[in-house]
Structures are given as structure tokens and as C-alpha cells.
Amino acid sequence: MASTWEIVSSAFGLLLFLAVVYISILIARSISSQETSTKSSLQSKGITYSNGRLKVQTDRAPLSREEYIASTQRAFEKGAKTFALHPDAFRTGPSQSSGDNGVNGEKKAFQRTKKLA
């Protein structure tokens, strides 16, 4: 026959296990209800999420041709200003400040020795 201590410790272990399972179920239900409320809240704003895809519905009309061209022109103008403000940042070719063209004027780059037929 089992002693009193063995029965109490087994019951305590069983209760502890059942408590962990019960708390896990409560957490899962809470997450599920939050997900449902978030989806319904977003759906009321025109955002639908289903099967891993996000769909955003807007009430804004698409851009006209003139608006598209004006927007593209503004983007080019902004880029031109950036180029003008930072001319050294967009320079191509060897920089003037680096003196690593090689020792005694030799180039360190790969040079082809054979001509291709």
C-alpha cells in the first residue's frame, strides 16, 4: 500500500499539471479573441487579412496622367538637388584622395595577357 506522502505528492503533481494545461487553454482563448477583435477592427477601416494576404481598400481615386507626371518630375528634381548638394558622394571612377594606384605607377587590377580569339 502507498504511504500518505506518496498519495499527496502524486495528487500535487497531477494538480500542477492540470493547472498548467488550464492556464495554457485560457491564454490560447485570449489570443484568439484578441485576433478576432483586431481583424474586425481593421475590417471596419477597410483592411482585410485572410489566408496570409493583406488587402487595403481606399476611397482615393487613382492618379491621373498629369498627377503622375508631376509626381515623377518632383522626384527627379529632388534627386537633382541631392546630387548638387553632395557632388563627391556620387562621383564615379578613381577618387583623387586615394593614392593606391599601385607602386611606381603600376596598376593593381587584373590585366588580360592573352587576346581572345
PDB file of N, CA and C in Angstrom:
ATOM      1  N   MET A   1       0.833  -1.161   0.000  1.00  0.00           N
ATOM      2  CA  MET A   1       0.000   0.000   0.000  1.00  0.00           C
ATOM      3  C   MET A   1       0.884   1.232   0.000  1.00  0.00           C
ATOM      4  N   ALA A   2       0.417   2.281  -0.657  1.00  0.00           N
ATOM      5  CA  ALA A   2       1.182   3.519  -0.758  1.00  0.00           C
ATOM      6  C   ALA A   2       1.022   4.336   0.510  1.00  0.00           C
ATOM      7  N   SER A   3       2.085   5.022   0.849  1.00  0.00           N
ATOM      8  CA  SER A   3       2.031   5.850   2.057  1.00  0.00           C
ATOM      9  C   SER A   3       1.280   7.143   1.766  1.00  0.00           C
ATOM     10  N   THR A   4       0.961   7.853   2.810  1.00  0.00           N
ATOM     11  CA  THR A   4       0.213   9.108   2.691  1.00  0.00           C
ATOM     12  C   THR A   4       1.021  10.127   1.897  1.00  0.00           C
ATOM     13  N   TRP A   5       2.327  10.200   2.130  1.00  0.00           N
ATOM     14  CA  TRP A   5       3.179  11.159   1.432  1.00  0.00           C
ATOM     15  C   TRP A   5       3.178  10.901  -0.070  1.00  0.00           C
ATOM     16  N   GLU A   6       3.222   9.655  -0.511  1.00  0.00           N
ATOM     17  CA  GLU A   6       3.207   9.316  -1.931  1.00  0.00           C
ATOM     18  C   GLU A   6       1.897   9.736  -2.581  1.00  0.00           C
ATOM     19  N   ILE A   7       0.790   9.551  -1.886  1.00  0.00           N
ATOM     20  CA  ILE A   7      -0.523   9.935  -2.421  1.00  0.00           C
ATOM     21  C   ILE A   7      -0.614  11.453  -2.541  1.00  0.00           C
ATOM     22  N   VAL A   8      -0.162  12.184  -1.506  1.00  0.00           N
ATOM     23  CA  VAL A   8      -0.235  13.651  -1.519  1.00  0.00           C
ATOM     24  C   VAL A   8       0.673  14.212  -2.616  1.00  0.00           C
ATOM     25  N   SER A   9       1.896  13.705  -2.756  1.00  0.00           N
ATOM     26  CA  SER A   9       2.823  14.218  -3.770  1.00  0.00           C
ATOM     27  C   SER A   9       2.321  13.897  -5.178  1.00  0.00           C
ATOM     28  N   SER A  10       1.715  12.742  -5.375  1.00  0.00           N
ATOM     29  CA  SER A  10       1.157  12.401  -6.687  1.00  0.00           C
ATOM     30  C   SER A  10      -0.027  13.300  -7.022  1.00  0.00           C
ATOM     31  N   ALA A  11      -0.889  13.555  -6.029  1.00  0.00           N
ATOM     32  CA  ALA A  11      -2.027  14.444  -6.247  1.00  0.00           C
ATOM     33  C   ALA A  11      -1.554  15.861  -6.542  1.00  0.00           C
ATOM     34  N   PHE A  12      -0.524  16.320  -5.831  1.00  0.00           N
ATOM     35  CA  PHE A  12       0.015  17.650  -6.072  1.00  0.00           C
ATOM     36  C   PHE A  12       0.595  17.748  -7.483  1.00  0.00           C
ATOM     37  N   GLY A  13       1.320  16.749  -7.921  1.00  0.00           N
ATOM     38  CA  GLY A  13       1.882  16.743  -9.282  1.00  0.00           C
ATOM     39  C   GLY A  13       0.794  16.762 -10.334  1.00  0.00           C
ATOM     40  N   LEU A  14      -0.274  15.970 -10.108  1.00  0.00           N
ATOM     41  CA  LEU A  14      -1.396  15.944 -11.038  1.00  0.00           C
ATOM     42  C   LEU A  14      -2.097  17.290 -11.089  1.00  0.00           C
ATOM     43  N   LEU A  15      -2.325  17.910  -9.938  1.00  0.00           N
ATOM     44  CA  LEU A  15      -2.971  19.229  -9.895  1.00  0.00           C
ATOM     45  C   LEU A  15      -2.106  20.295 -10.566  1.00  0.00           C
ATOM     46  N   LEU A  16      -0.816  20.219 -10.364  1.00  0.00           N
ATOM     47  CA  LEU A  16       0.084  21.164 -11.010  1.00  0.00           C
ATOM     48  C   LEU A  16       0.032  21.014 -12.529  1.00  0.00           C
ATOM     49  N   PHE A  17       0.036  19.797 -13.015  1.00  0.00           N
ATOM     50  CA  PHE A  17      -0.057  19.540 -14.452  1.00  0.00           C
ATOM     51  C   PHE A  17      -1.378  20.056 -15.015  1.00  0.00           C
ATOM     52  N   LEU A  18      -2.483  19.781 -14.334  1.00  0.00           N
ATOM     53  CA  LEU A  18      -3.790  20.248 -14.799  1.00  0.00           C
ATOM     54  C   LEU A  18      -3.882  21.772 -14.780  1.00  0.00           C
ATOM     55  N   ALA A  19      -3.249  22.420 -13.799  1.00  0.00           N
ATOM     56  CA  ALA A  19      -3.248  23.884 -13.740  1.00  0.00           C
ATOM     57  C   ALA A  19      -2.496  24.475 -14.929  1.00  0.00           C
ATOM     58  N   VAL A  20      -1.376  23.875 -15.293  1.00  0.00           N
ATOM     59  CA  VAL A  20      -0.614  24.358 -16.444  1.00  0.00           C
ATOM     60  C   VAL A  20      -1.427  24.194 -17.729  1.00  0.00           C
ATOM     61  N   VAL A  21      -2.104  23.073 -17.882  1.00  0.00           N
ATOM     62  CA  VAL A  21      -2.936  22.852 -19.073  1.00  0.00           C
ATOM     63  C   VAL A  21      -4.070  23.863 -19.114  1.00  0.00           C
ATOM     64  N   TYR A  22      -4.727  24.109 -17.977  1.00  0.00           N
ATOM     65  CA  TYR A  22      -5.847  25.042 -17.913  1.00  0.00           C
ATOM     66  C   TYR A  22      -5.388  26.470 -18.244  1.00  0.00           C
ATOM     67  N   ILE A  23      -4.245  26.892 -17.709  1.00  0.00           N
ATOM     68  CA  ILE A  23      -3.728  28.230 -17.996  1.00  0.00           C
ATOM     69  C   ILE A  23      -3.349  28.355 -19.471  1.00  0.00           C
ATOM     70  N   SER A  24      -2.808  27.301 -20.063  1.00  0.00           N
ATOM     71  CA  SER A  24      -2.478  27.316 -21.485  1.00  0.00           C
ATOM     72  C   SER A  24      -3.727  27.487 -22.342  1.00  0.00           C
ATOM     73  N   ILE A  25      -4.801  26.812 -21.966  1.00  0.00           N
ATOM     74  CA  ILE A  25      -6.059  26.940 -22.701  1.00  0.00           C
ATOM     75  C   ILE A  25      -6.604  28.358 -22.584  1.00  0.00           C
ATOM     76  N   LEU A  26      -6.535  28.957 -21.382  1.00  0.00           N
ATOM     77  CA  LEU A  26      -7.002  30.327 -21.197  1.00  0.00           C
ATOM     78  C   LEU A  26      -6.195  31.317 -22.033  1.00  0.00           C
ATOM     79  N   ILE A  27      -4.886  31.138 -22.093  1.00  0.00           N
ATOM     80  CA  ILE A  27      -4.041  32.028 -22.893  1.00  0.00           C
ATOM     81  C   ILE A  27      -4.371  31.888 -24.373  1.00  0.00           C
ATOM     82  N   ALA A  28      -4.574  30.659 -24.835  1.00  0.00           N
ATOM     83  CA  ALA A  28      -4.918  30.431 -26.239  1.00  0.00           C
ATOM     84  C   ALA A  28      -6.250  31.080 -26.592  1.00  0.00           C
ATOM     85  N   ARG A  29      -7.233  30.975 -25.720  1.00  0.00           N
ATOM     86  CA  ARG A  29      -8.530  31.612 -25.968  1.00  0.00           C
ATOM     87  C   ARG A  29      -8.404  33.125 -25.989  1.00  0.00           C
ATOM     88  N   SER A  30      -7.594  33.672 -25.090  1.00  0.00           N
ATOM     89  CA  SER A  30      -7.403  35.121 -25.039  1.00  0.00           C
ATOM     90  C   SER A  30      -6.759  35.634 -26.325  1.00  0.00           C
ATOM     91  N   ILE A  31      -5.744  34.932 -26.800  1.00  0.00           N
ATOM     92  CA  ILE A  31      -5.080  35.328 -28.048  1.00  0.00           C
ATOM     93  C   ILE A  31      -6.049  35.233 -29.214  1.00  0.00           C
ATOM     94  N   SER A  32      -6.842  34.191 -29.250  1.00  0.00           N
ATOM     95  CA  SER A  32      -7.808  34.014 -30.333  1.00  0.00           C
ATOM     96  C   SER A  32      -8.848  35.129 -30.331  1.00  0.00           C
ATOM     97  N   SER A  33      -9.338  35.499 -29.158  1.00  0.00           N
ATOM     98  CA  SER A  33     -10.340  36.572 -29.100  1.00  0.00           C
ATOM     99  C   SER A  33      -9.722  37.916 -29.473  1.00  0.00           C
ATOM    100  N   GLN A  34      -8.474  38.157 -29.096  1.00  0.00           N
ATOM    101  CA  GLN A  34      -7.810  39.405 -29.489  1.00  0.00           C
ATOM    102  C   GLN A  34      -7.596  39.448 -30.998  1.00  0.00           C
ATOM    103  N   GLU A  35      -7.262  38.319 -31.587  1.00  0.00           N
ATOM    104  CA  GLU A  35      -7.075  38.269 -33.032  1.00  0.00           C
ATOM    105  C   GLU A  35      -8.386  38.570 -33.750  1.00  0.00           C
ATOM    106  N   THR A  36      -9.462  38.000 -33.265  1.00  0.00           N
ATOM    107  CA  THR A  36     -10.768  38.224 -33.877  1.00  0.00           C
ATOM    108  C   THR A  36     -11.177  39.690 -33.761  1.00  0.00           C
ATOM    109  N   SER A  37     -10.986  40.284 -32.583  1.00  0.00           N
ATOM    110  CA  SER A  37     -11.367  41.689 -32.413  1.00  0.00           C
ATOM    111  C   SER A  37     -10.488  42.604 -33.258  1.00  0.00           C
ATOM    112  N   THR A  38      -9.206  42.269 -33.394  1.00  0.00           N
ATOM    113  CA  THR A  38      -8.312  43.077 -34.229  1.00  0.00           C
ATOM    114  C   THR A  38      -8.709  42.985 -35.690  1.00  0.00           C
ATOM    115  N   LYS A  39      -9.040  41.785 -36.144  1.00  0.00           N
ATOM    116  CA  LYS A  39      -9.470  41.616 -37.537  1.00  0.00           C
ATOM    117  C   LYS A  39     -10.744  42.403 -37.816  1.00  0.00           C
ATOM    118  N   SER A  40     -11.709  42.356 -36.906  1.00  0.00           N
ATOM    119  CA  SER A  40     -12.953  43.091 -37.132  1.00  0.00           C
ATOM    120  C   SER A  40     -12.715  44.593 -37.083  1.00  0.00           C
ATOM    121  N   SER A  41     -11.818  45.044 -36.215  1.00  0.00           N
ATOM    122  CA  SER A  41     -11.490  46.467 -36.148  1.00  0.00           C
ATOM    123  C   SER A  41     -10.830  46.938 -37.434  1.00  0.00           C
ATOM    124  N   LEU A  42      -9.897  46.156 -37.943  1.00  0.00           N
ATOM    125  CA  LEU A  42      -9.239  46.523 -39.188  1.00  0.00           C
ATOM    126  C   LEU A  42     -10.190  46.447 -40.373  1.00  0.00           C
ATOM    127  N   GLN A  43     -11.097  45.471 -40.331  1.00  0.00           N
ATOM    128  CA  GLN A  43     -12.047  45.327 -41.432  1.00  0.00           C
ATOM    129  C   GLN A  43     -12.982  46.530 -41.500  1.00  0.00           C
ATOM    130  N   SER A  44     -13.313  47.109 -40.352  1.00  0.00           N
ATOM    131  CA  SER A  44     -14.164  48.297 -40.362  1.00  0.00           C
ATOM    132  C   SER A  44     -13.430  49.498 -40.951  1.00  0.00           C
ATOM    133  N   LYS A  45     -12.086  49.458 -40.951  1.00  0.00           N
ATOM    134  CA  LYS A  45     -11.293  50.534 -41.530  1.00  0.00           C
ATOM    135  C   LYS A  45     -10.929  50.269 -42.991  1.00  0.00           C
ATOM    136  N   GLY A  46     -11.358  49.153 -43.540  1.00  0.00           N
ATOM    137  CA  GLY A  46     -11.096  48.840 -44.946  1.00  0.00           C
ATOM    138  C   GLY A  46      -9.891  47.954 -45.174  1.00  0.00           C
ATOM    139  N   ILE A  47      -9.393  47.317 -44.123  1.00  0.00           N
ATOM    140  CA  ILE A  47      -8.235  46.428 -44.249  1.00  0.00           C
ATOM    141  C   ILE A  47      -8.694  45.005 -43.962  1.00  0.00           C
ATOM    142  N   THR A  48      -8.461  44.101 -44.911  1.00  0.00           N
ATOM    143  CA  THR A  48      -8.879  42.717 -44.764  1.00  0.00           C
ATOM    144  C   THR A  48      -7.642  41.820 -44.763  1.00  0.00           C
ATOM    145  N   TYR A  49      -7.567  40.919 -43.791  1.00  0.00           N
ATOM    146  CA  TYR A  49      -6.467  39.959 -43.701  1.00  0.00           C
ATOM    147  C   TYR A  49      -7.054  38.563 -43.673  1.00  0.00           C
ATOM    148  N   SER A  50      -6.726  37.758 -44.691  1.00  0.00           N
ATOM    149  CA  SER A  50      -7.188  36.376 -44.719  1.00  0.00           C
ATOM    150  C   SER A  50      -6.196  35.537 -45.514  1.00  0.00           C
ATOM    151  N   ASN A  51      -5.945  34.341 -45.029  1.00  0.00           N
ATOM    152  CA  ASN A  51      -5.039  33.382 -45.661  1.00  0.00           C
ATOM    153  C   ASN A  51      -3.650  33.978 -45.907  1.00  0.00           C
ATOM    154  N   GLY A  52      -3.177  34.791 -44.986  1.00  0.00           N
ATOM    155  CA  GLY A  52      -1.850  35.364 -45.109  1.00  0.00           C
ATOM    156  C   GLY A  52      -1.745  36.499 -46.111  1.00  0.00           C
ATOM    157  N   ARG A  53      -2.854  37.024 -46.579  1.00  0.00           N
ATOM    158  CA  ARG A  53      -2.849  38.119 -47.553  1.00  0.00           C
ATOM    159  C   ARG A  53      -3.533  39.334 -46.950  1.00  0.00           C
ATOM    160  N   LEU A  54      -2.970  40.476 -47.229  1.00  0.00           N
ATOM    161  CA  LEU A  54      -3.483  41.736 -46.720  1.00  0.00           C
ATOM    162  C   LEU A  54      -4.061  42.525 -47.874  1.00  0.00           C
ATOM    163  N   LYS A  55      -5.300  42.979 -47.721  1.00  0.00           N
ATOM    164  CA  LYS A  55      -5.975  43.741 -48.761  1.00  0.00           C
ATOM    165  C   LYS A  55      -6.398  45.075 -48.155  1.00  0.00           C
ATOM    166  N   VAL A  56      -5.958  46.177 -48.779  1.00  0.00           N
ATOM    167  CA  VAL A  56      -6.289  47.508 -48.291  1.00  0.00           C
ATOM    168  C   VAL A  56      -7.188  48.170 -49.313  1.00  0.00           C
ATOM    169  N   GLN A  57      -8.361  48.600 -48.864  1.00  0.00           N
ATOM    170  CA  GLN A  57      -9.307  49.265 -49.743  1.00  0.00           C
ATOM    171  C   GLN A  57      -9.274  50.754 -49.451  1.00  0.00           C
ATOM    172  N   THR A  58      -9.072  51.557 -50.491  1.00  0.00           N
ATOM    173  CA  THR A  58      -9.021  53.002 -50.312  1.00  0.00           C
ATOM    174  C   THR A  58     -10.178  53.651 -51.050  1.00  0.00           C
ATOM    175  N   ASP A  59     -10.513  54.841 -50.621  1.00  0.00           N
ATOM    176  CA  ASP A  59     -11.563  55.588 -51.307  1.00  0.00           C
ATOM    177  C   ASP A  59     -10.961  56.667 -52.202  1.00  0.00           C
ATOM    178  N   ARG A  60      -9.644  56.651 -52.349  1.00  0.00           N
ATOM    179  CA  ARG A  60      -8.958  57.637 -53.167  1.00  0.00           C
ATOM    180  C   ARG A  60      -8.933  57.169 -54.615  1.00  0.00           C
ATOM    181  N   ALA A  61      -9.196  58.091 -55.518  1.00  0.00           N
ATOM    182  CA  ALA A  61      -9.171  57.773 -56.942  1.00  0.00           C
ATOM    183  C   ALA A  61      -7.723  57.625 -57.395  1.00  0.00           C
ATOM    184  N   PRO A  62      -7.486  56.785 -58.399  1.00  0.00           N
ATOM    185  CA  PRO A  62      -6.112  56.648 -58.888  1.00  0.00           C
ATOM    186  C   PRO A  62      -5.612  57.958 -59.497  1.00  0.00           C
ATOM    187  N   LEU A  63      -4.281  58.114 -59.538  1.00  0.00           N
ATOM    188  CA  LEU A  63      -3.697  59.335 -60.075  1.00  0.00           C
ATOM    189  C   LEU A  63      -3.997  59.480 -61.557  1.00  0.00           C
ATOM    190  N   SER A  64      -4.223  60.726 -61.977  1.00  0.00           N
ATOM    191  CA  SER A  64      -4.392  60.977 -63.405  1.00  0.00           C
ATOM    192  C   SER A  64      -3.010  61.023 -64.045  1.00  0.00           C
ATOM    193  N   ARG A  65      -2.978  61.088 -65.341  1.00  0.00           N
ATOM    194  CA  ARG A  65      -1.707  61.124 -66.064  1.00  0.00           C
ATOM    195  C   ARG A  65      -0.902  62.347 -65.669  1.00  0.00           C
ATOM    196  N   GLU A  66      -1.561  63.488 -65.549  1.00  0.00           N
ATOM    197  CA  GLU A  66      -0.871  64.735 -65.204  1.00  0.00           C
ATOM    198  C   GLU A  66      -0.309  64.673 -63.783  1.00  0.00           C
ATOM    199  N   GLU A  67      -1.078  64.112 -62.862  1.00  0.00           N
ATOM    200  CA  GLU A  67      -0.606  63.992 -61.488  1.00  0.00           C
ATOM    201  C   GLU A  67       0.600  63.042 -61.404  1.00  0.00           C
ATOM    202  N   TYR A  68       0.549  61.971 -62.164  1.00  0.00           N
ATOM    203  CA  TYR A  68       1.644  61.002 -62.183  1.00  0.00           C
ATOM    204  C   TYR A  68       2.910  61.647 -62.731  1.00  0.00           C
ATOM    205  N   ILE A  69       2.772  62.393 -63.832  1.00  0.00           N
ATOM    206  CA  ILE A  69       3.930  63.060 -64.436  1.00  0.00           C
ATOM    207  C   ILE A  69       4.496  64.112 -63.488  1.00  0.00           C
ATOM    208  N   ALA A  70       3.622  64.874 -62.818  1.00  0.00           N
ATOM    209  CA  ALA A  70       4.087  65.898 -61.882  1.00  0.00           C
ATOM    210  C   ALA A  70       4.815  65.264 -60.697  1.00  0.00           C
ATOM    211  N   SER A  71       4.304  64.157 -60.209  1.00  0.00           N
ATOM    212  CA  SER A  71       4.948  63.468 -59.096  1.00  0.00           C
ATOM    213  C   SER A  71       6.318  62.934 -59.502  1.00  0.00           C
ATOM    214  N   THR A  72       6.411  62.364 -60.689  1.00  0.00           N
ATOM    215  CA  THR A  72       7.688  61.863 -61.183  1.00  0.00           C
ATOM    216  C   THR A  72       8.677  63.004 -61.378  1.00  0.00           C
ATOM    217  N   GLN A  73       8.212  64.131 -61.893  1.00  0.00           N
ATOM    218  CA  GLN A  73       9.079  65.290 -62.095  1.00  0.00           C
ATOM    219  C   GLN A  73       9.606  65.816 -60.763  1.00  0.00           C
ATOM    220  N   ARG A  74       8.747  65.872 -59.745  1.00  0.00           N
ATOM    221  CA  ARG A  74       9.186  66.314 -58.424  1.00  0.00           C
ATOM    222  C   ARG A  74      10.256  65.379 -57.865  1.00  0.00           C
ATOM    223  N   ALA A  75      10.095  64.072 -58.091  1.00  0.00           N
ATOM    224  CA  ALA A  75      11.083  63.107 -57.609  1.00  0.00           C
ATOM    225  C   ALA A  75      12.427  63.320 -58.303  1.00  0.00           C
ATOM    226  N   PHE A  76      12.417  63.583 -59.616  1.00  0.00           N
ATOM    227  CA  PHE A  76      13.665  63.848 -60.322  1.00  0.00           C
ATOM    228  C   PHE A  76      14.312  65.139 -59.834  1.00  0.00           C
ATOM    229  N   GLU A  77      13.513  66.160 -59.588  1.00  0.00           N
ATOM    230  CA  GLU A  77      14.050  67.424 -59.086  1.00  0.00           C
ATOM    231  C   GLU A  77      14.677  67.248 -57.707  1.00  0.00           C
ATOM    232  N   LYS A  78      14.037  66.460 -56.853  1.00  0.00           N
ATOM    233  CA  LYS A  78      14.581  66.194 -55.530  1.00  0.00           C
ATOM    234  C   LYS A  78      15.906  65.443 -55.642  1.00  0.00           C
ATOM    235  N   GLY A  79      15.981  64.489 -56.553  1.00  0.00           N
ATOM    236  CA  GLY A  79      17.229  63.763 -56.772  1.00  0.00           C
ATOM    237  C   GLY A  79      18.322  64.669 -57.301  1.00  0.00           C
ATOM    238  N   ALA A  80      17.967  65.591 -58.195  1.00  0.00           N
ATOM    239  CA  ALA A  80      18.957  66.522 -58.734  1.00  0.00           C
ATOM    240  C   ALA A  80      19.504  67.420 -57.633  1.00  0.00           C
ATOM    241  N   LYS A  81      18.649  67.850 -56.714  1.00  0.00           N
ATOM    242  CA  LYS A  81      19.114  68.671 -55.590  1.00  0.00           C
ATOM    243  C   LYS A  81      20.070  67.874 -54.712  1.00  0.00           C
ATOM    244  N   THR A  82      19.775  66.592 -54.507  1.00  0.00           N
ATOM    245  CA  THR A  82      20.650  65.747 -53.706  1.00  0.00           C
ATOM    246  C   THR A  82      22.009  65.597 -54.382  1.00  0.00           C
ATOM    247  N   PHE A  83      22.016  65.401 -55.703  1.00  0.00           N
ATOM    248  CA  PHE A  83      23.276  65.315 -56.432  1.00  0.00           C
ATOM    249  C   PHE A  83      24.052  66.613 -56.316  1.00  0.00           C
ATOM    250  N   ALA A  84      23.368  67.741 -56.417  1.00  0.00           N
ATOM    251  CA  ALA A  84      24.042  69.038 -56.354  1.00  0.00           C
ATOM    252  C   ALA A  84      24.631  69.298 -54.970  1.00  0.00           C
ATOM    253  N   LEU A  85      23.944  68.853 -53.921  1.00  0.00           N
ATOM    254  CA  LEU A  85      24.430  69.094 -52.564  1.00  0.00           C
ATOM    255  C   LEU A  85      25.608  68.190 -52.195  1.00  0.00           C
ATOM    256  N   HIS A  86      25.706  67.026 -52.815  1.00  0.00           N
ATOM    257  CA  HIS A  86      26.752  66.054 -52.482  1.00  0.00           C
ATOM    258  C   HIS A  86      27.461  65.575 -53.754  1.00  0.00           C
ATOM    259  N   PRO A  87      28.228  66.423 -54.411  1.00  0.00           N
ATOM    260  CA  PRO A  87      28.840  66.002 -55.678  1.00  0.00           C
ATOM    261  C   PRO A  87      29.885  64.899 -55.512  1.00  0.00           C
ATOM    262  N   ASP A  88      30.604  64.880 -54.386  1.00  0.00           N
ATOM    263  CA  ASP A  88      31.628  63.856 -54.203  1.00  0.00           C
ATOM    264  C   ASP A  88      31.041  62.487 -53.875  1.00  0.00           C
ATOM    265  N   ALA A  89      29.835  62.464 -53.349  1.00  0.00           N
ATOM    266  CA  ALA A  89      29.235  61.193 -52.958  1.00  0.00           C
ATOM    267  C   ALA A  89      28.828  60.358 -54.167  1.00  0.00           C
ATOM    268  N   PHE A  90      28.593  61.010 -55.310  1.00  0.00           N
ATOM    269  CA  PHE A  90      28.094  60.285 -56.473  1.00  0.00           C
ATOM    270  C   PHE A  90      29.108  60.252 -57.615  1.00  0.00           C
ATOM    271  N   ARG A  91      30.373  60.541 -57.325  1.00  0.00           N
ATOM    272  CA  ARG A  91      31.414  60.540 -58.344  1.00  0.00           C
ATOM    273  C   ARG A  91      31.775  59.097 -58.680  1.00  0.00           C
ATOM    274  N   THR A  92      32.016  58.833 -59.948  1.00  0.00           N
ATOM    275  CA  THR A  92      32.443  57.505 -60.371  1.00  0.00           C
ATOM    276  C   THR A  92      33.899  57.575 -60.792  1.00  0.00           C
ATOM    277  N   GLY A  93      34.550  56.443 -60.839  1.00  0.00           N
ATOM    278  CA  GLY A  93      35.954  56.403 -61.213  1.00  0.00           C
ATOM    279  C   GLY A  93      36.829  56.489 -59.982  1.00  0.00           C
ATOM    280  N   PRO A  94      38.140  56.506 -60.183  1.00  0.00           N
ATOM    281  CA  PRO A  94      39.051  56.548 -59.032  1.00  0.00           C
ATOM    282  C   PRO A  94      38.952  57.895 -58.322  1.00  0.00           C
ATOM    283  N   SER A  95      39.026  57.870 -57.018  1.00  0.00           N
ATOM    284  CA  SER A  95      38.965  59.110 -56.262  1.00  0.00           C
ATOM    285  C   SER A  95      40.318  59.788 -56.283  1.00  0.00           C
ATOM    286  N   GLN A  96      40.311  61.091 -56.137  1.00  0.00           N
ATOM    287  CA  GLN A  96      41.560  61.843 -56.179  1.00  0.00           C
ATOM    288  C   GLN A  96      42.319  61.716 -54.866  1.00  0.00           C
ATOM    289  N   SER A  97      41.620  61.440 -53.789  1.00  0.00           N
ATOM    290  CA  SER A  97      42.266  61.395 -52.489  1.00  0.00           C
ATOM    291  C   SER A  97      43.003  60.086 -52.240  1.00  0.00           C
ATOM    292  N   SER A  98      42.628  59.028 -52.928  1.00  0.00           N
ATOM    293  CA  SER A  98      43.287  57.748 -52.676  1.00  0.00           C
ATOM    294  C   SER A  98      44.488  57.614 -53.596  1.00  0.00           C
ATOM    295  N   GLY A  99      45.600  57.284 -53.019  1.00  0.00           N
ATOM    296  CA  GLY A  99      46.821  57.146 -53.799  1.00  0.00           C
ATOM    297  C   GLY A  99      47.211  55.704 -53.997  1.00  0.00           C
ATOM    298  N   ASP A 100      46.265  54.799 -54.051  1.00  0.00           N
ATOM    299  CA  ASP A 100      46.592  53.382 -54.190  1.00  0.00           C
ATOM    300  C   ASP A 100      46.445  52.912 -55.636  1.00  0.00           C
ATOM    301  N   ASN A 101      47.028  53.663 -56.562  1.00  0.00           N
ATOM    302  CA  ASN A 101      47.014  53.233 -57.959  1.00  0.00           C
ATOM    303  C   ASN A 101      48.079  52.196 -58.226  1.00  0.00           C
ATOM    304  N   GLY A 102      48.913  51.936 -57.243  1.00  0.00           N
ATOM    305  CA  GLY A 102      49.959  50.949 -57.403  1.00  0.00           C
ATOM    306  C   GLY A 102      51.309  51.573 -57.120  1.00  0.00           C
ATOM    307  N   VAL A 103      52.286  50.723 -56.983  1.00  0.00           N
ATOM    308  CA  VAL A 103      53.640  51.179 -56.716  1.00  0.00           C
ATOM    309  C   VAL A 103      54.300  51.499 -58.055  1.00  0.00           C
ATOM    310  N   ASN A 104      54.967  52.631 -58.144  1.00  0.00           N
ATOM    311  CA  ASN A 104      55.678  53.072 -59.346  1.00  0.00           C
ATOM    312  C   ASN A 104      54.746  53.174 -60.553  1.00  0.00           C
ATOM    313  N   GLY A 105      53.503  53.564 -60.331  1.00  0.00           N
ATOM    314  CA  GLY A 105      52.568  53.778 -61.431  1.00  0.00           C
ATOM    315  C   GLY A 105      51.949  52.513 -61.980  1.00  0.00           C
ATOM    316  N   GLU A 106      52.240  51.333 -61.420  1.00  0.00           N
ATOM    317  CA  GLU A 106      51.654  50.084 -61.901  1.00  0.00           C
ATOM    318  C   GLU A 106      50.247  49.924 -61.336  1.00  0.00           C
ATOM    319  N   LYS A 107      49.391  49.340 -62.128  1.00  0.00           N
ATOM    320  CA  LYS A 107      48.026  49.090 -61.667  1.00  0.00           C
ATOM    321  C   LYS A 107      47.977  47.781 -60.902  1.00  0.00           C
ATOM    322  N   LYS A 108      47.137  47.741 -59.874  1.00  0.00           N
ATOM    323  CA  LYS A 108      46.992  46.520 -59.092  1.00  0.00           C
ATOM    324  C   LYS A 108      45.849  45.642 -59.589  1.00  0.00           C
ATOM    325  N   ALA A 109      45.147  46.088 -60.596  1.00  0.00           N
ATOM    326  CA  ALA A 109      43.996  45.342 -61.079  1.00  0.00           C
ATOM    327  C   ALA A 109      44.433  44.204 -61.998  1.00  0.00           C
ATOM    328  N   PHE A 110      43.504  43.292 -62.277  1.00  0.00           N
ATOM    329  CA  PHE A 110      43.766  42.168 -63.162  1.00  0.00           C
ATOM    330  C   PHE A 110      43.912  42.683 -64.595  1.00  0.00           C
ATOM    331  N   GLN A 111      44.929  42.196 -65.303  1.00  0.00           N
ATOM    332  CA  GLN A 111      45.110  42.554 -66.712  1.00  0.00           C
ATOM    333  C   GLN A 111      45.183  41.270 -67.534  1.00  0.00           C
ATOM    334  N   ARG A 112      44.473  41.257 -68.646  1.00  0.00           N
ATOM    335  CA  ARG A 112      44.462  40.085 -69.526  1.00  0.00           C
ATOM    336  C   ARG A 112      45.777  40.052 -70.315  1.00  0.00           C
ATOM    337  N   THR A 113      46.412  38.909 -70.342  1.00  0.00           N
ATOM    338  CA  THR A 113      47.675  38.783 -71.083  1.00  0.00           C
ATOM    339  C   THR A 113      47.486  38.160 -72.464  1.00  0.00           C
ATOM    340  N   LYS A 114      46.405  37.394 -72.657  1.00  0.00           N
ATOM    341  CA  LYS A 114      46.130  36.777 -73.950  1.00  0.00           C
ATOM    342  C   LYS A 114      44.932  37.455 -74.575  1.00  0.00           C
ATOM    343  N   LYS A 115      44.942  37.516 -75.902  1.00  0.00           N
ATOM    344  CA  LYS A 115      43.793  38.027 -76.618  1.00  0.00           C
ATOM    345  C   LYS A 115      42.821  36.867 -76.864  1.00  0.00           C
ATOM    346  N   LEU A 116      41.570  37.157 -76.754  1.00  0.00           N
ATOM    347  CA  LEU A 116      40.559  36.125 -77.035  1.00  0.00           C
ATOM    348  C   LEU A 116      40.345  36.043 -78.529  1.00  0.00           C
ATOM    349  N   ALA A 117      40.210  34.841 -79.045  1.00  0.00           N
ATOM    350  CA  ALA A 117      40.033  34.646 -80.475  1.00  0.00           C
ATOM    351  C   ALA A 117      38.625  34.915 -80.901  1.00  0.00           C
TER     352      ALA A 117
END
